[in-house]
PDB file of N, CA and C in Angstrom:
ATOM      1  N   MET A   1       0.816  -1.191   0.000  1.00  0.00           N
ATOM      2  CA  MET A   1       0.000   0.000   0.000  1.00  0.00           C
ATOM      3  C   MET A   1       0.862   1.259   0.000  1.00  0.00           C
ATOM      4  N   LYS A   2       1.902   1.266   0.885  1.00  0.00           N
ATOM      5  CA  LYS A   2       2.768   2.431   0.947  1.00  0.00           C
ATOM      6  C   LYS A   2       3.512   2.631  -0.370  1.00  0.00           C
ATOM      7  N   LYS A   3       3.919   1.512  -1.015  1.00  0.00           N
ATOM      8  CA  LYS A   3       4.625   1.608  -2.290  1.00  0.00           C
ATOM      9  C   LYS A   3       3.732   2.238  -3.353  1.00  0.00           C
ATOM     10  N   ASN A   4       2.465   1.833  -3.386  1.00  0.00           N
ATOM     11  CA  ASN A   4       1.544   2.389  -4.370  1.00  0.00           C
ATOM     12  C   ASN A   4       1.308   3.875  -4.136  1.00  0.00           C
ATOM     13  N   LEU A   5       1.149   4.274  -2.883  1.00  0.00           N
ATOM     14  CA  LEU A   5       0.968   5.692  -2.577  1.00  0.00           C
ATOM     15  C   LEU A   5       2.204   6.496  -2.962  1.00  0.00           C
ATOM     16  N   MET A   6       3.371   5.951  -2.648  1.00  0.00           N
ATOM     17  CA  MET A   6       4.617   6.631  -2.992  1.00  0.00           C
ATOM     18  C   MET A   6       4.747   6.772  -4.512  1.00  0.00           C
ATOM     19  N   ARG A   7       4.442   5.708  -5.244  1.00  0.00           N
ATOM     20  CA  ARG A   7       4.524   5.744  -6.703  1.00  0.00           C
ATOM     21  C   ARG A   7       3.542   6.775  -7.258  1.00  0.00           C
ATOM     22  N   GLU A   8       2.314   6.807  -6.743  1.00  0.00           N
ATOM     23  CA  GLU A   8       1.331   7.783  -7.201  1.00  0.00           C
ATOM     24  C   GLU A   8       1.783   9.205  -6.883  1.00  0.00           C
ATOM     25  N   TRP A   9       2.378   9.394  -5.733  1.00  0.00           N
ATOM     26  CA  TRP A   9       2.865  10.714  -5.347  1.00  0.00           C
ATOM     27  C   TRP A   9       3.984  11.165  -6.286  1.00  0.00           C
ATOM     28  N   ILE A  10       4.910  10.267  -6.589  1.00  0.00           N
ATOM     29  CA  ILE A  10       6.014  10.599  -7.499  1.00  0.00           C
ATOM     30  C   ILE A  10       5.480  10.895  -8.895  1.00  0.00           C
ATOM     31  N   LEU A  11       4.553  10.077  -9.382  1.00  0.00           N
ATOM     32  CA  LEU A  11       3.972  10.333 -10.696  1.00  0.00           C
ATOM     33  C   LEU A  11       3.235  11.668 -10.730  1.00  0.00           C
ATOM     34  N   SER A  12       2.573  12.012  -9.637  1.00  0.00           N
ATOM     35  CA  SER A  12       1.884  13.304  -9.563  1.00  0.00           C
ATOM     36  C   SER A  12       2.879  14.448  -9.666  1.00  0.00           C
ATOM     37  N   LEU A  13       4.016  14.317  -8.991  1.00  0.00           N
ATOM     38  CA  LEU A  13       5.042  15.354  -9.068  1.00  0.00           C
ATOM     39  C   LEU A  13       5.614  15.476 -10.476  1.00  0.00           C
ATOM     40  N   VAL A  14       5.835  14.336 -11.110  1.00  0.00           N
ATOM     41  CA  VAL A  14       6.353  14.362 -12.485  1.00  0.00           C
ATOM     42  C   VAL A  14       5.375  15.090 -13.396  1.00  0.00           C
ATOM     43  N   TRP A  15       4.093  14.758 -13.285  1.00  0.00           N
ATOM     44  CA  TRP A  15       3.093  15.427 -14.118  1.00  0.00           C
ATOM     45  C   TRP A  15       2.992  16.910 -13.791  1.00  0.00           C
ATOM     46  N   LEU A  16       3.197  17.266 -12.548  1.00  0.00           N
ATOM     47  CA  LEU A  16       3.116  18.659 -12.137  1.00  0.00           C
ATOM     48  C   LEU A  16       4.281  19.471 -12.698  1.00  0.00           C
ATOM     49  N   PHE A  17       5.498  18.911 -12.649  1.00  0.00           N
ATOM     50  CA  PHE A  17       6.684  19.677 -13.036  1.00  0.00           C
ATOM     51  C   PHE A  17       7.121  19.467 -14.483  1.00  0.00           C
ATOM     52  N   ALA A  18       6.551  18.523 -15.189  1.00  0.00           N
ATOM     53  CA  ALA A  18       6.940  18.288 -16.589  1.00  0.00           C
ATOM     54  C   ALA A  18       6.767  19.536 -17.458  1.00  0.00           C
ATOM     55  N   PRO A  19       5.634  20.247 -17.382  1.00  0.00           N
ATOM     56  CA  PRO A  19       5.512  21.461 -18.201  1.00  0.00           C
ATOM     57  C   PRO A  19       6.556  22.517 -17.828  1.00  0.00           C
ATOM     58  N   LEU A  20       6.919  22.593 -16.562  1.00  0.00           N
ATOM     59  CA  LEU A  20       7.913  23.568 -16.121  1.00  0.00           C
ATOM     60  C   LEU A  20       9.277  23.274 -16.730  1.00  0.00           C
ATOM     61  N   THR A  21       9.674  22.010 -16.767  1.00  0.00           N
ATOM     62  CA  THR A  21      10.976  21.674 -17.350  1.00  0.00           C
ATOM     63  C   THR A  21      10.973  21.921 -18.849  1.00  0.00           C
ATOM     64  N   THR A  22       9.862  21.685 -19.515  1.00  0.00           N
ATOM     65  CA  THR A  22       9.768  21.982 -20.945  1.00  0.00           C
ATOM     66  C   THR A  22       9.886  23.477 -21.173  1.00  0.00           C
ATOM     67  N   TRP A  23       9.215  24.288 -20.370  1.00  0.00           N
ATOM     68  CA  TRP A  23       9.297  25.738 -20.486  1.00  0.00           C
ATOM     69  C   TRP A  23      10.724  26.201 -20.258  1.00  0.00           C
ATOM     70  N   ALA A  24      11.392  25.689 -19.236  1.00  0.00           N
ATOM     71  CA  ALA A  24      12.759  26.107 -18.931  1.00  0.00           C
ATOM     72  C   ALA A  24      13.713  25.721 -20.048  1.00  0.00           C
ATOM     73  N   ALA A  25      13.498  24.594 -20.679  1.00  0.00           N
ATOM     74  CA  ALA A  25      14.382  24.148 -21.758  1.00  0.00           C
ATOM     75  C   ALA A  25      14.256  25.038 -22.986  1.00  0.00           C
ATOM     76  N   GLU A  26      13.129  25.717 -23.149  1.00  0.00           N
ATOM     77  CA  GLU A  26      12.915  26.570 -24.313  1.00  0.00           C
ATOM     78  C   GLU A  26      13.410  27.996 -24.105  1.00  0.00           C
ATOM     79  N   GLN A  27      13.843  28.353 -22.920  1.00  0.00           N
ATOM     80  CA  GLN A  27      14.295  29.707 -22.640  1.00  0.00           C
ATOM     81  C   GLN A  27      15.766  29.857 -23.014  1.00  0.00           C
ATOM     82  N   TRP A  28      16.106  30.989 -23.629  1.00  0.00           N
ATOM     83  CA  TRP A  28      17.488  31.274 -24.000  1.00  0.00           C
ATOM     84  C   TRP A  28      18.122  32.133 -22.922  1.00  0.00           C
ATOM     85  N   ILE A  29      19.386  31.909 -22.678  1.00  0.00           N
ATOM     86  CA  ILE A  29      20.153  32.707 -21.723  1.00  0.00           C
ATOM     87  C   ILE A  29      21.159  33.513 -22.525  1.00  0.00           C
ATOM     88  N   ASP A  30      21.182  34.817 -22.338  1.00  0.00           N
ATOM     89  CA  ASP A  30      22.096  35.683 -23.080  1.00  0.00           C
ATOM     90  C   ASP A  30      23.501  35.573 -22.494  1.00  0.00           C
ATOM     91  N   LEU A  31      24.426  35.028 -23.266  1.00  0.00           N
ATOM     92  CA  LEU A  31      25.819  34.851 -22.844  1.00  0.00           C
ATOM     93  C   LEU A  31      26.759  35.802 -23.577  1.00  0.00           C
ATOM     94  N   THR A  32      26.211  36.792 -24.246  1.00  0.00           N
ATOM     95  CA  THR A  32      27.005  37.690 -25.080  1.00  0.00           C
ATOM     96  C   THR A  32      28.197  38.260 -24.339  1.00  0.00           C
ATOM     97  N   GLU A  33      27.961  38.892 -23.212  1.00  0.00           N
ATOM     98  CA  GLU A  33      29.030  39.578 -22.486  1.00  0.00           C
ATOM     99  C   GLU A  33      30.066  38.616 -21.912  1.00  0.00           C
ATOM    100  N   GLN A  34      29.693  37.355 -21.706  1.00  0.00           N
ATOM    101  CA  GLN A  34      30.632  36.383 -21.146  1.00  0.00           C
ATOM    102  C   GLN A  34      31.643  35.890 -22.167  1.00  0.00           C
ATOM    103  N   TYR A  35      31.278  35.885 -23.457  1.00  0.00           N
ATOM    104  CA  TYR A  35      32.149  35.264 -24.454  1.00  0.00           C
ATOM    105  C   TYR A  35      32.586  36.186 -25.589  1.00  0.00           C
ATOM    106  N   ILE A  36      31.877  37.265 -25.840  1.00  0.00           N
ATOM    107  CA  ILE A  36      32.228  38.159 -26.941  1.00  0.00           C
ATOM    108  C   ILE A  36      32.772  39.459 -26.365  1.00  0.00           C
ATOM    109  N   VAL A  37      33.959  39.832 -26.815  1.00  0.00           N
ATOM    110  CA  VAL A  37      34.593  41.067 -26.360  1.00  0.00           C
ATOM    111  C   VAL A  37      33.998  42.234 -27.144  1.00  0.00           C
ATOM    112  N   ASN A  38      33.528  43.249 -26.434  1.00  0.00           N
ATOM    113  CA  ASN A  38      33.019  44.470 -27.045  1.00  0.00           C
ATOM    114  C   ASN A  38      32.002  44.184 -28.163  1.00  0.00           C
ATOM    115  N   PRO A  39      30.917  43.483 -27.860  1.00  0.00           N
ATOM    116  CA  PRO A  39      29.968  43.102 -28.909  1.00  0.00           C
ATOM    117  C   PRO A  39      29.260  44.278 -29.572  1.00  0.00           C
ATOM    118  N   SER A  40      29.210  45.426 -28.903  1.00  0.00           N
ATOM    119  CA  SER A  40      28.452  46.574 -29.423  1.00  0.00           C
ATOM    120  C   SER A  40      29.340  47.705 -29.920  1.00  0.00           C
ATOM    121  N   PHE A  41      30.634  47.452 -30.071  1.00  0.00           N
ATOM    122  CA  PHE A  41      31.567  48.504 -30.505  1.00  0.00           C
ATOM    123  C   PHE A  41      31.395  49.756 -29.644  1.00  0.00           C
ATOM    124  N   THR A  42      31.344  49.536 -28.338  1.00  0.00           N
ATOM    125  CA  THR A  42      31.106  50.597 -27.368  1.00  0.00           C
ATOM    126  C   THR A  42      32.118  51.722 -27.538  1.00  0.00           C
ATOM    127  N   ASN A  43      31.647  52.947 -27.422  1.00  0.00           N
ATOM    128  CA  ASN A  43      32.456  54.164 -27.578  1.00  0.00           C
ATOM    129  C   ASN A  43      33.166  54.209 -28.929  1.00  0.00           C
ATOM    130  N   ASN A  44      32.559  53.597 -29.933  1.00  0.00           N
ATOM    131  CA  ASN A  44      33.122  53.563 -31.289  1.00  0.00           C
ATOM    132  C   ASN A  44      34.526  52.978 -31.317  1.00  0.00           C
ATOM    133  N   GLU A  45      34.750  51.943 -30.519  1.00  0.00           N
ATOM    134  CA  GLU A  45      36.036  51.245 -30.496  1.00  0.00           C
ATOM    135  C   GLU A  45      35.857  49.839 -31.058  1.00  0.00           C
ATOM    136  N   ASN A  46      36.898  49.327 -31.695  1.00  0.00           N
ATOM    137  CA  ASN A  46      36.833  47.986 -32.269  1.00  0.00           C
ATOM    138  C   ASN A  46      37.655  46.976 -31.478  1.00  0.00           C
ATOM    139  N   THR A  47      37.919  47.268 -30.216  1.00  0.00           N
ATOM    140  CA  THR A  47      38.665  46.363 -29.343  1.00  0.00           C
ATOM    141  C   THR A  47      38.033  44.974 -29.353  1.00  0.00           C
ATOM    142  N   GLY A  48      38.868  43.940 -29.490  1.00  0.00           N
ATOM    143  CA  GLY A  48      38.392  42.563 -29.467  1.00  0.00           C
ATOM    144  C   GLY A  48      38.074  41.985 -30.831  1.00  0.00           C
ATOM    145  N   TRP A  49      37.970  42.829 -31.832  1.00  0.00           N
ATOM    146  CA  TRP A  49      37.590  42.386 -33.168  1.00  0.00           C
ATOM    147  C   TRP A  49      38.807  42.299 -34.079  1.00  0.00           C
ATOM    148  N   THR A  50      38.794  41.333 -34.975  1.00  0.00           N
ATOM    149  CA  THR A  50      39.826  41.192 -35.997  1.00  0.00           C
ATOM    150  C   THR A  50      39.140  41.335 -37.345  1.00  0.00           C
ATOM    151  N   TRP A  51      39.794  42.009 -38.277  1.00  0.00           N
ATOM    152  CA  TRP A  51      39.225  42.091 -39.608  1.00  0.00           C
ATOM    153  C   TRP A  51      40.308  42.056 -40.671  1.00  0.00           C
ATOM    154  N   VAL A  52      39.908  41.559 -41.816  1.00  0.00           N
ATOM    155  CA  VAL A  52      40.736  41.530 -43.017  1.00  0.00           C
ATOM    156  C   VAL A  52      39.879  42.174 -44.095  1.00  0.00           C
ATOM    157  N   SER A  53      40.422  43.184 -44.778  1.00  0.00           N
ATOM    158  CA  SER A  53      39.582  43.913 -45.714  1.00  0.00           C
ATOM    159  C   SER A  53      40.401  44.623 -46.779  1.00  0.00           C
ATOM    160  N   ASP A  54      39.825  44.723 -47.970  1.00  0.00           N
ATOM    161  CA  ASP A  54      40.386  45.582 -49.011  1.00  0.00           C
ATOM    162  C   ASP A  54      39.444  46.758 -49.281  1.00  0.00           C
ATOM    163  N   ALA A  55      38.499  47.001 -48.365  1.00  0.00           N
ATOM    164  CA  ALA A  55      37.523  48.079 -48.535  1.00  0.00           C
ATOM    165  C   ALA A  55      38.218  49.435 -48.530  1.00  0.00           C
ATOM    166  N   SER A  56      37.660  50.374 -49.284  1.00  0.00           N
ATOM    167  CA  SER A  56      38.266  51.703 -49.361  1.00  0.00           C
ATOM    168  C   SER A  56      38.080  52.492 -48.071  1.00  0.00           C
ATOM    169  N   SER A  57      37.095  52.124 -47.251  1.00  0.00           N
ATOM    170  CA  SER A  57      36.877  52.776 -45.961  1.00  0.00           C
ATOM    171  C   SER A  57      36.552  51.706 -44.924  1.00  0.00           C
ATOM    172  N   GLN A  58      37.232  51.784 -43.781  1.00  0.00           N
ATOM    173  CA  GLN A  58      37.014  50.839 -42.684  1.00  0.00           C
ATOM    174  C   GLN A  58      37.022  51.652 -41.396  1.00  0.00           C
ATOM    175  N   THR A  59      35.876  51.787 -40.774  1.00  0.00           N
ATOM    176  CA  THR A  59      35.801  52.639 -39.589  1.00  0.00           C
ATOM    177  C   THR A  59      34.685  52.176 -38.653  1.00  0.00           C
ATOM    178  N   VAL A  60      34.742  52.661 -37.424  1.00  0.00           N
ATOM    179  CA  VAL A  60      33.659  52.440 -36.466  1.00  0.00           C
ATOM    180  C   VAL A  60      32.963  53.778 -36.270  1.00  0.00           C
ATOM    181  N   ARG A  61      31.664  53.789 -36.487  1.00  0.00           N
ATOM    182  CA  ARG A  61      30.885  55.008 -36.243  1.00  0.00           C
ATOM    183  C   ARG A  61      29.493  54.590 -35.799  1.00  0.00           C
ATOM    184  N   CYS A  62      28.906  55.383 -34.943  1.00  0.00           N
ATOM    185  CA  CYS A  62      27.572  55.083 -34.398  1.00  0.00           C
ATOM    186  C   CYS A  62      27.538  53.698 -33.759  1.00  0.00           C
ATOM    187  N   GLU A  63      28.650  53.325 -33.103  1.00  0.00           N
ATOM    188  CA  GLU A  63      28.798  52.031 -32.435  1.00  0.00           C
ATOM    189  C   GLU A  63      28.474  50.870 -33.376  1.00  0.00           C
ATOM    190  N   ALA A  64      28.993  50.978 -34.599  1.00  0.00           N
ATOM    191  CA  ALA A  64      28.878  49.915 -35.604  1.00  0.00           C
ATOM    192  C   ALA A  64      30.132  49.948 -36.466  1.00  0.00           C
ATOM    193  N   MET A  65      30.560  48.790 -36.918  1.00  0.00           N
ATOM    194  CA  MET A  65      31.713  48.711 -37.815  1.00  0.00           C
ATOM    195  C   MET A  65      31.210  48.896 -39.229  1.00  0.00           C
ATOM    196  N   GLU A  66      31.915  49.736 -39.994  1.00  0.00           N
ATOM    197  CA  GLU A  66      31.487  50.041 -41.355  1.00  0.00           C
ATOM    198  C   GLU A  66      32.621  49.769 -42.333  1.00  0.00           C
ATOM    199  N   PHE A  67      32.295  49.052 -43.391  1.00  0.00           N
ATOM    200  CA  PHE A  67      33.224  48.828 -44.494  1.00  0.00           C
ATOM    201  C   PHE A  67      32.548  49.360 -45.746  1.00  0.00           C
ATOM    202  N   TRP A  68      33.309  50.049 -46.570  1.00  0.00           N
ATOM    203  CA  TRP A  68      32.726  50.670 -47.744  1.00  0.00           C
ATOM    204  C   TRP A  68      33.485  50.246 -48.987  1.00  0.00           C
ATOM    205  N   ASN A  69      32.751  49.734 -49.957  1.00  0.00           N
ATOM    206  CA  ASN A  69      33.291  49.464 -51.280  1.00  0.00           C
ATOM    207  C   ASN A  69      34.454  48.476 -51.268  1.00  0.00           C
ATOM    208  N   GLY A  70      34.177  47.263 -50.849  1.00  0.00           N
ATOM    209  CA  GLY A  70      35.211  46.236 -50.863  1.00  0.00           C
ATOM    210  C   GLY A  70      34.744  44.974 -50.165  1.00  0.00           C
ATOM    211  N   THR A  71      35.636  44.021 -50.065  1.00  0.00           N
ATOM    212  CA  THR A  71      35.336  42.779 -49.356  1.00  0.00           C
ATOM    213  C   THR A  71      35.963  42.826 -47.973  1.00  0.00           C
ATOM    214  N   TRP A  72      35.373  42.097 -47.045  1.00  0.00           N
ATOM    215  CA  TRP A  72      35.894  42.125 -45.679  1.00  0.00           C
ATOM    216  C   TRP A  72      35.410  40.924 -44.893  1.00  0.00           C
ATOM    217  N   TYR A  73      36.165  40.597 -43.875  1.00  0.00           N
ATOM    218  CA  TYR A  73      35.813  39.592 -42.870  1.00  0.00           C
ATOM    219  C   TYR A  73      36.026  40.242 -41.518  1.00  0.00           C
ATOM    220  N   LEU A  74      35.019  40.246 -40.688  1.00  0.00           N
ATOM    221  CA  LEU A  74      35.078  40.800 -39.338  1.00  0.00           C
ATOM    222  C   LEU A  74      34.710  39.670 -38.397  1.00  0.00           C
ATOM    223  N   TYR A  75      35.560  39.388 -37.408  1.00  0.00           N
ATOM    224  CA  TYR A  75      35.286  38.211 -36.591  1.00  0.00           C
ATOM    225  C   TYR A  75      35.964  38.269 -35.228  1.00  0.00           C
ATOM    226  N   GLN A  76      35.515  37.359 -34.373  1.00  0.00           N
ATOM    227  CA  GLN A  76      36.170  37.029 -33.113  1.00  0.00           C
ATOM    228  C   GLN A  76      36.221  35.514 -33.028  1.00  0.00           C
ATOM    229  N   THR A  77      37.314  35.002 -32.507  1.00  0.00           N
ATOM    230  CA  THR A  77      37.421  33.576 -32.246  1.00  0.00           C
ATOM    231  C   THR A  77      37.104  33.368 -30.774  1.00  0.00           C
ATOM    232  N   LEU A  78      36.040  32.648 -30.487  1.00  0.00           N
ATOM    233  CA  LEU A  78      35.604  32.434 -29.110  1.00  0.00           C
ATOM    234  C   LEU A  78      36.244  31.167 -28.569  1.00  0.00           C
ATOM    235  N   SER A  79      36.624  31.214 -27.302  1.00  0.00           N
ATOM    236  CA  SER A  79      37.219  30.026 -26.680  1.00  0.00           C
ATOM    237  C   SER A  79      36.523  29.728 -25.358  1.00  0.00           C
ATOM    238  N   ASN A  80      36.676  28.506 -24.909  1.00  0.00           N
ATOM    239  CA  ASN A  80      36.100  28.035 -23.642  1.00  0.00           C
ATOM    240  C   ASN A  80      34.580  28.148 -23.599  1.00  0.00           C
ATOM    241  N   VAL A  81      33.946  28.029 -24.741  1.00  0.00           N
ATOM    242  CA  VAL A  81      32.488  28.060 -24.794  1.00  0.00           C
ATOM    243  C   VAL A  81      31.992  26.631 -24.567  1.00  0.00           C
ATOM    244  N   PRO A  82      31.162  26.421 -23.557  1.00  0.00           N
ATOM    245  CA  PRO A  82      30.697  25.058 -23.281  1.00  0.00           C
ATOM    246  C   PRO A  82      29.829  24.516 -24.418  1.00  0.00           C
ATOM    247  N   ALA A  83      29.827  23.202 -24.539  1.00  0.00           N
ATOM    248  CA  ALA A  83      28.982  22.559 -25.549  1.00  0.00           C
ATOM    249  C   ALA A  83      27.529  22.899 -25.263  1.00  0.00           C
ATOM    250  N   GLY A  84      26.766  23.097 -26.300  1.00  0.00           N
ATOM    251  CA  GLY A  84      25.354  23.415 -26.128  1.00  0.00           C
ATOM    252  C   GLY A  84      24.754  23.902 -27.424  1.00  0.00           C
ATOM    253  N   HIS A  85      23.556  24.427 -27.341  1.00  0.00           N
ATOM    254  CA  HIS A  85      22.860  24.990 -28.492  1.00  0.00           C
ATOM    255  C   HIS A  85      22.866  26.498 -28.321  1.00  0.00           C
ATOM    256  N   TYR A  86      23.295  27.203 -29.352  1.00  0.00           N
ATOM    257  CA  TYR A  86      23.414  28.650 -29.282  1.00  0.00           C
ATOM    258  C   TYR A  86      22.659  29.293 -30.432  1.00  0.00           C
ATOM    259  N   ARG A  87      22.181  30.494 -30.184  1.00  0.00           N
ATOM    260  CA  ARG A  87      21.513  31.282 -31.217  1.00  0.00           C
ATOM    261  C   ARG A  87      22.325  32.558 -31.395  1.00  0.00           C
ATOM    262  N   LEU A  88      22.741  32.824 -32.621  1.00  0.00           N
ATOM    263  CA  LEU A  88      23.501  34.026 -32.940  1.00  0.00           C
ATOM    264  C   LEU A  88      22.550  35.051 -33.527  1.00  0.00           C
ATOM    265  N   MET A  89      22.533  36.233 -32.934  1.00  0.00           N
ATOM    266  CA  MET A  89      21.703  37.321 -33.433  1.00  0.00           C
ATOM    267  C   MET A  89      22.614  38.500 -33.734  1.00  0.00           C
ATOM    268  N   VAL A  90      22.434  39.079 -34.908  1.00  0.00           N
ATOM    269  CA  VAL A  90      23.295  40.165 -35.358  1.00  0.00           C
ATOM    270  C   VAL A  90      22.427  41.257 -35.962  1.00  0.00           C
ATOM    271  N   LYS A  91      22.746  42.504 -35.644  1.00  0.00           N
ATOM    272  CA  LYS A  91      22.139  43.626 -36.352  1.00  0.00           C
ATOM    273  C   LYS A  91      23.110  43.978 -37.468  1.00  0.00           C
ATOM    274  N   ALA A  92      22.701  43.745 -38.689  1.00  0.00           N
ATOM    275  CA  ALA A  92      23.591  43.974 -39.823  1.00  0.00           C
ATOM    276  C   ALA A  92      22.819  44.608 -40.967  1.00  0.00           C
ATOM    277  N   TYR A  93      23.527  45.377 -41.745  1.00  0.00           N
ATOM    278  CA  TYR A  93      22.946  45.986 -42.934  1.00  0.00           C
ATOM    279  C   TYR A  93      23.921  45.765 -44.071  1.00  0.00           C
ATOM    280  N   TYR A  94      23.409  45.345 -45.185  1.00  0.00           N
ATOM    281  CA  TYR A  94      24.250  45.110 -46.350  1.00  0.00           C
ATOM    282  C   TYR A  94      23.492  45.568 -47.584  1.00  0.00           C
ATOM    283  N   ARG A  95      24.195  46.265 -48.444  1.00  0.00           N
ATOM    284  CA  ARG A  95      23.575  46.673 -49.700  1.00  0.00           C
ATOM    285  C   ARG A  95      24.618  46.581 -50.801  1.00  0.00           C
ATOM    286  N   CYS A  96      24.275  45.905 -51.857  1.00  0.00           N
ATOM    287  CA  CYS A  96      25.147  45.789 -53.019  1.00  0.00           C
ATOM    288  C   CYS A  96      24.584  46.702 -54.097  1.00  0.00           C
ATOM    289  N   GLY A  97      25.006  47.953 -54.101  1.00  0.00           N
ATOM    290  CA  GLY A  97      24.507  48.881 -55.108  1.00  0.00           C
ATOM    291  C   GLY A  97      24.279  50.253 -54.535  1.00  0.00           C
ATOM    292  N   ASP A  98      23.658  51.108 -55.314  1.00  0.00           N
ATOM    293  CA  ASP A  98      23.365  52.458 -54.845  1.00  0.00           C
ATOM    294  C   ASP A  98      21.853  52.647 -54.748  1.00  0.00           C
ATOM    295  N   ASN A  99      21.462  53.809 -54.250  1.00  0.00           N
ATOM    296  CA  ASN A  99      20.042  54.058 -53.988  1.00  0.00           C
ATOM    297  C   ASN A  99      19.176  54.020 -55.236  1.00  0.00           C
ATOM    298  N   SER A 100      19.747  54.351 -56.390  1.00  0.00           N
ATOM    299  CA  SER A 100      18.924  54.474 -57.595  1.00  0.00           C
ATOM    300  C   SER A 100      18.267  53.156 -58.004  1.00  0.00           C
ATOM    301  N   TRP A 101      18.882  52.003 -57.733  1.00  0.00           N
ATOM    302  CA  TRP A 101      18.280  50.732 -58.137  1.00  0.00           C
ATOM    303  C   TRP A 101      18.243  49.677 -57.040  1.00  0.00           C
ATOM    304  N   SER A 102      19.080  49.780 -56.007  1.00  0.00           N
ATOM    305  CA  SER A 102      19.123  48.706 -55.007  1.00  0.00           C
ATOM    306  C   SER A 102      17.855  48.647 -54.159  1.00  0.00           C
ATOM    307  N   TYR A 103      17.229  49.795 -53.884  1.00  0.00           N
ATOM    308  CA  TYR A 103      15.987  49.769 -53.110  1.00  0.00           C
ATOM    309  C   TYR A 103      14.876  49.078 -53.907  1.00  0.00           C
ATOM    310  N   GLN A 104      14.818  49.341 -55.202  1.00  0.00           N
ATOM    311  CA  GLN A 104      13.812  48.682 -56.035  1.00  0.00           C
ATOM    312  C   GLN A 104      14.051  47.174 -56.080  1.00  0.00           C
ATOM    313  N   ASP A 105      15.327  46.756 -56.136  1.00  0.00           N
ATOM    314  CA  ASP A 105      15.643  45.323 -56.080  1.00  0.00           C
ATOM    315  C   ASP A 105      15.165  44.710 -54.767  1.00  0.00           C
ATOM    316  N   PHE A 106      15.320  45.461 -53.666  1.00  0.00           N
ATOM    317  CA  PHE A 106      14.838  44.994 -52.364  1.00  0.00           C
ATOM    318  C   PHE A 106      13.321  44.796 -52.405  1.00  0.00           C
ATOM    319  N   LEU A 107      12.608  45.786 -52.918  1.00  0.00           N
ATOM    320  CA  LEU A 107      11.147  45.693 -52.990  1.00  0.00           C
ATOM    321  C   LEU A 107      10.698  44.529 -53.872  1.00  0.00           C
ATOM    322  N   ASN A 108      11.426  44.284 -54.954  1.00  0.00           N
ATOM    323  CA  ASN A 108      11.078  43.205 -55.886  1.00  0.00           C
ATOM    324  C   ASN A 108      11.507  41.829 -55.393  1.00  0.00           C
ATOM    325  N   GLY A 109      12.360  41.796 -54.365  1.00  0.00           N
ATOM    326  CA  GLY A 109      12.896  40.522 -53.895  1.00  0.00           C
ATOM    327  C   GLY A 109      13.980  39.969 -54.804  1.00  0.00           C
ATOM    328  N   THR A 110      14.621  40.847 -55.575  1.00  0.00           N
ATOM    329  CA  THR A 110      15.657  40.406 -56.516  1.00  0.00           C
ATOM    330  C   THR A 110      17.045  40.906 -56.137  1.00  0.00           C
ATOM    331  N   GLU A 111      17.202  41.414 -54.918  1.00  0.00           N
ATOM    332  CA  GLU A 111      18.512  41.947 -54.534  1.00  0.00           C
ATOM    333  C   GLU A 111      19.544  40.831 -54.431  1.00  0.00           C
ATOM    334  N   ASN A 112      20.782  41.171 -54.715  1.00  0.00           N
ATOM    335  CA  ASN A 112      21.889  40.225 -54.686  1.00  0.00           C
ATOM    336  C   ASN A 112      22.616  40.377 -53.353  1.00  0.00           C
ATOM    337  N   ILE A 113      22.320  39.501 -52.398  1.00  0.00           N
ATOM    338  CA  ILE A 113      22.939  39.592 -51.076  1.00  0.00           C
ATOM    339  C   ILE A 113      24.088  38.600 -51.016  1.00  0.00           C
ATOM    340  N   THR A 114      25.297  39.134 -51.010  1.00  0.00           N
ATOM    341  CA  THR A 114      26.476  38.276 -50.895  1.00  0.00           C
ATOM    342  C   THR A 114      27.122  38.401 -49.523  1.00  0.00           C
ATOM    343  N   GLY A 115      26.581  39.281 -48.664  1.00  0.00           N
ATOM    344  CA  GLY A 115      27.079  39.415 -47.292  1.00  0.00           C
ATOM    345  C   GLY A 115      26.580  38.258 -46.444  1.00  0.00           C
ATOM    346  N   MET A 116      27.483  37.631 -45.713  1.00  0.00           N
ATOM    347  CA  MET A 116      27.139  36.453 -44.915  1.00  0.00           C
ATOM    348  C   MET A 116      27.614  36.634 -43.479  1.00  0.00           C
ATOM    349  N   MET A 117      26.928  35.997 -42.536  1.00  0.00           N
ATOM    350  CA  MET A 117      27.438  35.894 -41.174  1.00  0.00           C
ATOM    351  C   MET A 117      27.733  34.423 -40.910  1.00  0.00           C
ATOM    352  N   PHE A 118      28.761  34.177 -40.111  1.00  0.00           N
ATOM    353  CA  PHE A 118      29.240  32.824 -39.863  1.00  0.00           C
ATOM    354  C   PHE A 118      29.250  32.529 -38.372  1.00  0.00           C
ATOM    355  N   ALA A 119      28.998  31.287 -38.023  1.00  0.00           N
ATOM    356  CA  ALA A 119      29.203  30.766 -36.670  1.00  0.00           C
ATOM    357  C   ALA A 119      29.627  29.318 -36.845  1.00  0.00           C
ATOM    358  N   GLY A 120      30.875  29.036 -36.537  1.00  0.00           N
ATOM    359  CA  GLY A 120      31.395  27.689 -36.775  1.00  0.00           C
ATOM    360  C   GLY A 120      31.377  27.389 -38.256  1.00  0.00           C
ATOM    361  N   ASN A 121      30.725  26.308 -38.643  1.00  0.00           N
ATOM    362  CA  ASN A 121      30.624  25.930 -40.054  1.00  0.00           C
ATOM    363  C   ASN A 121      29.297  26.339 -40.679  1.00  0.00           C
ATOM    364  N   THR A 122      28.516  27.137 -39.973  1.00  0.00           N
ATOM    365  CA  THR A 122      27.199  27.544 -40.450  1.00  0.00           C
ATOM    366  C   THR A 122      27.254  28.979 -40.940  1.00  0.00           C
ATOM    367  N   GLU A 123      26.603  29.260 -42.058  1.00  0.00           N
ATOM    368  CA  GLU A 123      26.554  30.626 -42.569  1.00  0.00           C
ATOM    369  C   GLU A 123      25.139  30.975 -42.983  1.00  0.00           C
ATOM    370  N   GLN A 124      24.807  32.262 -42.886  1.00  0.00           N
ATOM    371  CA  GLN A 124      23.496  32.790 -43.246  1.00  0.00           C
ATOM    372  C   GLN A 124      23.703  34.135 -43.917  1.00  0.00           C
ATOM    373  N   PRO A 125      22.895  34.487 -44.914  1.00  0.00           N
ATOM    374  CA  PRO A 125      22.982  35.841 -45.472  1.00  0.00           C
ATOM    375  C   PRO A 125      22.485  36.863 -44.452  1.00  0.00           C
ATOM    376  N   VAL A 126      23.071  38.056 -44.487  1.00  0.00           N
ATOM    377  CA  VAL A 126      22.626  39.112 -43.567  1.00  0.00           C
ATOM    378  C   VAL A 126      21.428  39.823 -44.148  1.00  0.00           C
TER     379      VAL A 126
END
């Protein structure tokens, strides 16, 4: 009798807390400041970032890195990051062209986006 009551009590607890564990597993924890140096280009500084570029202009302004008219790679190599599932979010703007036709290409869905963001072996257009 005691075993059955104990089993029912344990099963009741499992049913009670199962939705809570599912909810907790779906929540993301922001680890930006723990692993990325100067993620926001604070005070218009590029400390922590490495870049390779042939762009005619390379500068930090408005707390964003800007490259003009050329190719570039901007990155940080992260270390000691524990195994897990991560979501990379970036505020980025890329335009291949000038105002006279690139905005119309955007509206038509025909713009040529060759700018990519990378994380490990995964890449996505910006």
